[in-house]
Amino acid sequence: MDLFKAIQELYAEKERLERVIASLEELQRSAGAVPAIGKTVKRRGRKFMDPKERQEVSERMKKYWAARRKDRHKHTPGQGA
């Protein structure tokens, strides 16, 4: 195969791919403008915690850090009291 011919075919294929990509992007933009029926919108970001959940997390973390402090003092001789 002639190198020049191979390059020309690749350029032709590139142009076809660019046209297909452009048409798909246009479909995506037009589809994004119209909301789908029955589609739920997911919230992004942090989950909301009610006061009861927040208190449970607080108690759980207090126990966790107390155990870590107790374990740290157990493994470090000569430190502390």
Protein backbone atom coordinates (compact mmCIF):
# COMPACT_ATOMS: atom_id res chain seq x y z
CA MET A 1 0.00 0.00 0.00
CA ASP A 2 1.21 3.42 -0.87
CA LEU A 3 2.06 5.55 2.18
CA PHE A 4 0.33 8.58 0.70
CA LYS A 5 -2.86 6.55 0.09
CA ALA A 6 -2.79 5.19 3.66
CA ILE A 7 -2.50 8.71 5.08
CA GLN A 8 -5.40 9.90 2.89
CA GLU A 9 -7.60 7.02 4.09
CA LEU A 10 -6.76 7.78 7.71
CA TYR A 11 -7.68 11.45 7.23
CA ALA A 12 -10.99 10.41 5.64
CA GLU A 13 -11.72 8.10 8.55
CA LYS A 14 -10.82 10.87 10.99
CA GLU A 15 -13.31 13.21 9.32
CA ARG A 16 -16.05 10.57 9.49
CA LEU A 17 -15.33 9.97 13.17
CA GLU A 18 -15.41 13.70 13.91
CA ARG A 19 -18.81 14.01 12.20
CA VAL A 20 -20.18 11.03 14.18
CA ILE A 21 -18.81 12.44 17.45
CA ALA A 22 -20.32 15.86 16.70
CA SER A 23 -23.73 14.35 15.98
CA LEU A 24 -23.61 12.26 19.17
CA GLU A 25 -22.64 15.30 21.22
CA GLU A 26 -25.56 17.21 19.69
CA LEU A 27 -27.93 14.38 20.61
CA GLN A 28 -26.55 14.40 24.14
CA ARG A 29 -27.06 18.16 24.45
CA SER A 30 -30.61 18.02 23.11
CA ALA A 31 -31.47 15.03 25.29
CA GLY A 32 -30.05 16.78 28.35
CA ALA A 33 -32.33 19.78 27.80
CA VAL A 34 -35.48 17.65 28.08
CA PRO A 35 -35.86 15.96 31.48
CA ALA A 36 -36.70 12.29 31.31
CA ILE A 37 -40.04 11.27 32.79
CA GLY A 38 -39.77 9.15 35.92
CA LYS A 39 -36.08 9.82 36.35
CA THR A 40 -35.09 10.64 39.90
CA VAL A 41 -32.48 13.25 40.60
CA LYS A 42 -29.71 12.11 42.92
CA ARG A 43 -28.37 14.55 45.47
CA ARG A 44 -24.68 15.19 45.43
CA GLY A 45 -22.49 16.01 48.35
CA ARG A 46 -22.80 15.05 51.96
CA LYS A 47 -25.65 13.05 53.39
CA PHE A 48 -27.89 14.94 55.75
CA MET A 49 -27.88 13.62 59.33
CA ASP A 50 -30.72 14.29 61.71
CA PRO A 51 -29.81 15.11 65.34
CA LYS A 52 -30.37 11.51 66.51
CA GLU A 53 -27.94 10.12 63.92
CA ARG A 54 -25.41 12.82 64.75
CA GLN A 55 -25.59 11.92 68.47
CA GLU A 56 -25.07 8.23 67.66
CA VAL A 57 -22.01 9.04 65.58
CA SER A 58 -20.69 11.28 68.34
CA GLU A 59 -21.00 8.55 70.97
CA ARG A 60 -19.44 5.97 68.67
CA MET A 61 -16.46 8.24 67.94
CA LYS A 62 -15.97 9.07 71.64
CA LYS A 63 -15.71 5.34 72.37
CA TYR A 64 -13.36 4.88 69.41
CA TRP A 65 -10.95 7.64 70.49
CA ALA A 66 -11.07 6.59 74.13
CA ALA A 67 -10.03 3.08 73.08
CA ARG A 68 -7.24 4.51 70.89
CA ARG A 69 -5.90 6.61 73.78
CA LYS A 70 -6.07 3.63 76.13
CA ASP A 71 -4.28 1.41 73.60
CA ARG A 72 -1.60 4.05 72.96
CA HIS A 73 -0.79 4.36 76.66
CA LYS A 74 -0.62 0.60 76.96
CA HIS A 75 2.05 0.30 74.23
CA THR A 76 4.32 3.24 75.15
CA PRO A 77 6.35 2.39 78.28
CA GLY A 78 7.79 5.27 80.24
CA GLN A 79 5.29 7.77 78.86
CA GLY A 80 2.37 9.26 80.74
CA ALA A 81 1.84 9.02 84.53
